[in-house]
């Protein structure tokens, strides 16, 4: 984990303390993507698979983290919230896993930033997927809004 990832992980746990209980670690922040490592042991349920609520929570957190880190890097000020979400559970998760969030298109961030600077409000769709044992086990899509 680099300094950018460590600093943002500290910010995440400060802004949303509950996320620390999910047992996640931010492993990589890239220009249009973020990767989070998730703990099987801290999120398993009575069936010895990762709890669906944890999968949803970690997916939202990872997508929100991509947005929040980009907002901070761009020096934008405002309130970031999730407007809507959808998740499909494809396979059970029986090991530690990764959650990877990204924009749907490469120009989504620039369009979002421009709209926000012009109107003081913007929204964008972020996708995330949980990957375990080299297989996509869930697909998440959320609409995030930044407003003043």
C-alpha atoms as a PDB file:
ATOM      1  CA  UNK A   1       0.000   0.000   0.000  1.00  0.00           C
ATOM      2  CA  UNK A   2       1.379   3.375  -1.022  1.00  0.00           C
ATOM      3  CA  UNK A   3       1.103   6.677   0.804  1.00  0.00           C
ATOM      4  CA  UNK A   4      -1.939   7.801  -1.245  1.00  0.00           C
ATOM      5  CA  UNK A   5      -3.795   4.615  -0.339  1.00  0.00           C
ATOM      6  CA  UNK A   6      -2.807   4.793   3.350  1.00  0.00           C
ATOM      7  CA  UNK A   7      -3.812   8.442   3.645  1.00  0.00           C
ATOM      8  CA  UNK A   8      -7.167   7.846   2.001  1.00  0.00           C
ATOM      9  CA  UNK A   9      -7.860   4.740   4.097  1.00  0.00           C
ATOM     10  CA  UNK A  10      -7.287   6.862   7.221  1.00  0.00           C
ATOM     11  CA  UNK A  11      -9.663   9.487   5.802  1.00  0.00           C
ATOM     12  CA  UNK A  12     -12.302   6.842   5.041  1.00  0.00           C
ATOM     13  CA  UNK A  13     -12.187   5.395   8.546  1.00  0.00           C
ATOM     14  CA  UNK A  14     -12.425   8.919  10.003  1.00  0.00           C
ATOM     15  CA  UNK A  15     -15.331  10.065   7.796  1.00  0.00           C
ATOM     16  CA  UNK A  16     -17.287   6.785   8.043  1.00  0.00           C
ATOM     17  CA  UNK A  17     -16.072   4.939  11.174  1.00  0.00           C
ATOM     18  CA  UNK A  18     -18.288   1.897  10.513  1.00  0.00           C
ATOM     19  CA  UNK A  19     -16.226   1.037   7.421  1.00  0.00           C
ATOM     20  CA  UNK A  20     -13.298   0.000   9.614  1.00  0.00           C
ATOM     21  CA  UNK A  21     -15.470  -2.832  10.955  1.00  0.00           C
ATOM     22  CA  UNK A  22     -15.830  -4.244   7.426  1.00  0.00           C
ATOM     23  CA  UNK A  23     -12.206  -5.395   7.518  1.00  0.00           C
ATOM     24  CA  UNK A  24     -11.242  -3.644   4.301  1.00  0.00           C
ATOM     25  CA  UNK A  25      -7.876  -2.312   3.180  1.00  0.00           C
ATOM     26  CA  UNK A  26      -7.418   0.057   0.266  1.00  0.00           C
ATOM     27  CA  UNK A  27      -4.744  -1.585  -1.865  1.00  0.00           C
ATOM     28  CA  UNK A  28      -4.649   0.555  -5.010  1.00  0.00           C
ATOM     29  CA  UNK A  29      -5.920   3.954  -6.148  1.00  0.00           C
ATOM     30  CA  UNK A  30      -5.544   4.622  -9.848  1.00  0.00           C
ATOM     31  CA  UNK A  31      -6.811   7.398 -12.082  1.00  0.00           C
ATOM     32  CA  UNK A  32     -10.241   5.879 -12.782  1.00  0.00           C
ATOM     33  CA  UNK A  33     -10.286   2.852 -10.473  1.00  0.00           C
ATOM     34  CA  UNK A  34      -9.846   1.815  -6.857  1.00  0.00           C
ATOM     35  CA  UNK A  35      -9.205  -1.646  -5.417  1.00  0.00           C
ATOM     36  CA  UNK A  36     -10.048  -2.752  -1.882  1.00  0.00           C
ATOM     37  CA  UNK A  37      -9.077  -6.015  -0.179  1.00  0.00           C
ATOM     38  CA  UNK A  38     -11.855  -7.609   1.872  1.00  0.00           C
ATOM     39  CA  UNK A  39     -11.622 -10.102   4.723  1.00  0.00           C
ATOM     40  CA  UNK A  40     -13.569 -13.351   4.507  1.00  0.00           C
ATOM     41  CA  UNK A  41     -13.098 -14.043   8.225  1.00  0.00           C
ATOM     42  CA  UNK A  42     -14.646 -10.725   9.312  1.00  0.00           C
ATOM     43  CA  UNK A  43     -17.605 -10.933   6.919  1.00  0.00           C
ATOM     44  CA  UNK A  44     -18.657 -14.586   6.827  1.00  0.00           C
ATOM     45  CA  UNK A  45     -22.118 -15.711   7.857  1.00  0.00           C
ATOM     46  CA  UNK A  46     -23.650 -18.901   9.271  1.00  0.00           C
ATOM     47  CA  UNK A  47     -23.250 -20.604   5.861  1.00  0.00           C
ATOM     48  CA  UNK A  48     -19.488 -19.928   5.825  1.00  0.00           C
ATOM     49  CA  UNK A  49     -19.820 -17.540   2.890  1.00  0.00           C
ATOM     50  CA  UNK A  50     -19.478 -13.757   2.863  1.00  0.00           C
ATOM     51  CA  UNK A  51     -22.701 -12.130   4.093  1.00  0.00           C
ATOM     52  CA  UNK A  52     -24.676 -10.409   1.321  1.00  0.00           C
ATOM     53  CA  UNK A  53     -24.972  -7.271   3.450  1.00  0.00           C
ATOM     54  CA  UNK A  54     -21.183  -7.099   3.696  1.00  0.00           C
ATOM     55  CA  UNK A  55     -20.862  -7.487  -0.062  1.00  0.00           C
ATOM     56  CA  UNK A  56     -23.324  -4.623  -0.590  1.00  0.00           C
ATOM     57  CA  UNK A  57     -21.683  -2.446   2.061  1.00  0.00           C
ATOM     58  CA  UNK A  58     -18.171  -3.023   0.744  1.00  0.00           C
ATOM     59  CA  UNK A  59     -19.311  -2.391  -2.843  1.00  0.00           C
ATOM     60  CA  UNK A  60     -20.921   0.931  -1.862  1.00  0.00           C
ATOM     61  CA  UNK A  61     -17.893   1.866   0.244  1.00  0.00           C
ATOM     62  CA  UNK A  62     -15.449   1.089  -2.564  1.00  0.00           C
ATOM     63  CA  UNK A  63     -17.464   3.046  -5.147  1.00  0.00           C
ATOM     64  CA  UNK A  64     -17.883   5.969  -2.711  1.00  0.00           C
ATOM     65  CA  UNK A  65     -14.142   5.849  -1.997  1.00  0.00           C
ATOM     66  CA  UNK A  66     -13.316   6.180  -5.691  1.00  0.00           C
ATOM     67  CA  UNK A  67     -15.501   9.278  -5.891  1.00  0.00           C
ATOM     68  CA  UNK A  68     -14.311  10.813  -2.619  1.00  0.00           C
ATOM     69  CA  UNK A  69     -10.638  10.326  -3.471  1.00  0.00           C
ATOM     70  CA  UNK A  70     -11.126  11.940  -6.899  1.00  0.00           C
ATOM     71  CA  UNK A  71     -13.058  14.834  -5.314  1.00  0.00           C
ATOM     72  CA  UNK A  72     -10.271  15.415  -2.780  1.00  0.00           C
ATOM     73  CA  UNK A  73      -7.541  15.207  -5.433  1.00  0.00           C
ATOM     74  CA  UNK A  74      -9.431  17.744  -7.582  1.00  0.00           C
ATOM     75  CA  UNK A  75      -9.881  20.123  -4.630  1.00  0.00           C
ATOM     76  CA  UNK A  76     -13.673  20.124  -4.962  1.00  0.00           C
ATOM     77  CA  UNK A  77     -15.817  20.944  -1.949  1.00  0.00           C
ATOM     78  CA  UNK A  78     -19.281  19.508  -1.405  1.00  0.00           C
ATOM     79  CA  UNK A  79     -21.316  16.651  -0.012  1.00  0.00           C
ATOM     80  CA  UNK A  80     -21.100  13.226  -1.658  1.00  0.00           C
ATOM     81  CA  UNK A  81     -24.056  10.861  -1.260  1.00  0.00           C
ATOM     82  CA  UNK A  82     -25.382   7.774  -2.960  1.00  0.00           C
ATOM     83  CA  UNK A  83     -28.682   8.325  -4.770  1.00  0.00           C
ATOM     84  CA  UNK A  84     -29.493   4.801  -5.923  1.00  0.00           C
ATOM     85  CA  UNK A  85     -27.906   1.383  -6.192  1.00  0.00           C
ATOM     86  CA  UNK A  86     -28.374  -2.034  -7.679  1.00  0.00           C
ATOM     87  CA  UNK A  87     -26.432  -5.219  -6.987  1.00  0.00           C
ATOM     88  CA  UNK A  88     -26.474  -8.685  -8.509  1.00  0.00           C
ATOM     89  CA  UNK A  89     -25.085 -11.600  -6.501  1.00  0.00           C
ATOM     90  CA  UNK A  90     -23.599 -14.109  -8.939  1.00  0.00           C
ATOM     91  CA  UNK A  91     -21.589 -16.586  -6.829  1.00  0.00           C
ATOM     92  CA  UNK A  92     -20.937 -17.196  -3.126  1.00  0.00           C
ATOM     93  CA  UNK A  93     -17.683 -15.825  -1.696  1.00  0.00           C
ATOM     94  CA  UNK A  94     -15.677 -18.318   0.371  1.00  0.00           C
ATOM     95  CA  UNK A  95     -12.267 -16.584   0.609  1.00  0.00           C
ATOM     96  CA  UNK A  96     -10.724 -13.168   1.033  1.00  0.00           C
ATOM     97  CA  UNK A  97     -11.683 -11.045  -1.946  1.00  0.00           C
ATOM     98  CA  UNK A  98     -11.142  -7.811  -3.820  1.00  0.00           C
ATOM     99  CA  UNK A  99     -13.650  -5.138  -4.686  1.00  0.00           C
ATOM    100  CA  UNK A 100     -12.798  -3.057  -7.749  1.00  0.00           C
ATOM    101  CA  UNK A 101     -14.742   0.135  -8.483  1.00  0.00           C
ATOM    102  CA  UNK A 102     -14.488   2.198 -11.650  1.00  0.00           C
ATOM    103  CA  UNK A 103     -16.337   4.672 -13.808  1.00  0.00           C
ATOM    104  CA  UNK A 104     -18.481   3.291 -16.624  1.00  0.00           C
ATOM    105  CA  UNK A 105     -16.555   5.323 -19.214  1.00  0.00           C
ATOM    106  CA  UNK A 106     -13.153   7.023 -19.114  1.00  0.00           C
ATOM    107  CA  UNK A 107     -14.629  10.492 -19.655  1.00  0.00           C
ATOM    108  CA  UNK A 108     -17.254  10.158 -16.867  1.00  0.00           C
ATOM    109  CA  UNK A 109     -15.033  11.848 -14.262  1.00  0.00           C
ATOM    110  CA  UNK A 110     -14.202  14.871 -16.446  1.00  0.00           C
ATOM    111  CA  UNK A 111     -17.853  15.310 -17.402  1.00  0.00           C
ATOM    112  CA  UNK A 112     -18.902  15.012 -13.741  1.00  0.00           C
ATOM    113  CA  UNK A 113     -16.277  17.540 -12.623  1.00  0.00           C
ATOM    114  CA  UNK A 114     -17.229  20.047 -15.332  1.00  0.00           C
ATOM    115  CA  UNK A 115     -20.948  19.806 -14.513  1.00  0.00           C
ATOM    116  CA  UNK A 116     -20.229  20.270 -10.803  1.00  0.00           C
ATOM    117  CA  UNK A 117     -18.060  23.327 -11.409  1.00  0.00           C
ATOM    118  CA  UNK A 118     -20.753  24.876 -13.628  1.00  0.00           C
ATOM    119  CA  UNK A 119     -23.896  23.963 -11.673  1.00  0.00           C
ATOM    120  CA  UNK A 120     -22.796  23.147  -8.109  1.00  0.00           C
ATOM    121  CA  UNK A 121     -24.357  19.691  -8.445  1.00  0.00           C
ATOM    122  CA  UNK A 122     -23.476  16.615 -10.493  1.00  0.00           C
ATOM    123  CA  UNK A 123     -24.127  12.903 -10.589  1.00  0.00           C
ATOM    124  CA  UNK A 124     -22.247   9.929 -11.983  1.00  0.00           C
ATOM    125  CA  UNK A 125     -22.646   6.163 -12.099  1.00  0.00           C
ATOM    126  CA  UNK A 126     -19.895   4.044 -10.581  1.00  0.00           C
ATOM    127  CA  UNK A 127     -19.646   0.274 -10.955  1.00  0.00           C
ATOM    128  CA  UNK A 128     -17.982  -2.202  -8.618  1.00  0.00           C
ATOM    129  CA  UNK A 129     -17.422  -5.904  -8.650  1.00  0.00           C
ATOM    130  CA  UNK A 130     -16.354  -8.372  -6.021  1.00  0.00           C
ATOM    131  CA  UNK A 131     -13.705 -10.795  -7.273  1.00  0.00           C
ATOM    132  CA  UNK A 132     -12.891 -14.005  -5.419  1.00  0.00           C
ATOM    133  CA  UNK A 133     -10.698 -16.825  -6.701  1.00  0.00           C
ATOM    134  CA  UNK A 134     -10.394 -14.973 -10.053  1.00  0.00           C
ATOM    135  CA  UNK A 135     -14.182 -14.974 -10.526  1.00  0.00           C
ATOM    136  CA  UNK A 136     -16.607 -12.054 -10.470  1.00  0.00           C
ATOM    137  CA  UNK A 137     -19.035 -12.900  -7.670  1.00  0.00           C
ATOM    138  CA  UNK A 138     -21.179  -9.746  -7.646  1.00  0.00           C
ATOM    139  CA  UNK A 139     -21.805  -6.672  -9.762  1.00  0.00           C
ATOM    140  CA  UNK A 140     -22.803  -3.322  -8.247  1.00  0.00           C
ATOM    141  CA  UNK A 141     -23.921  -0.105  -9.891  1.00  0.00           C
ATOM    142  CA  UNK A 142     -24.552   3.082  -7.943  1.00  0.00           C
ATOM    143  CA  UNK A 143     -25.428   6.666  -8.767  1.00  0.00           C
ATOM    144  CA  UNK A 144     -23.510   9.181  -6.666  1.00  0.00           C
ATOM    145  CA  UNK A 145     -24.356  12.867  -6.303  1.00  0.00           C
ATOM    146  CA  UNK A 146     -22.071  15.712  -5.231  1.00  0.00           C
ATOM    147  CA  UNK A 147     -23.830  18.895  -4.149  1.00  0.00           C
ATOM    148  CA  UNK A 148     -22.932  22.143  -2.371  1.00  0.00           C
END
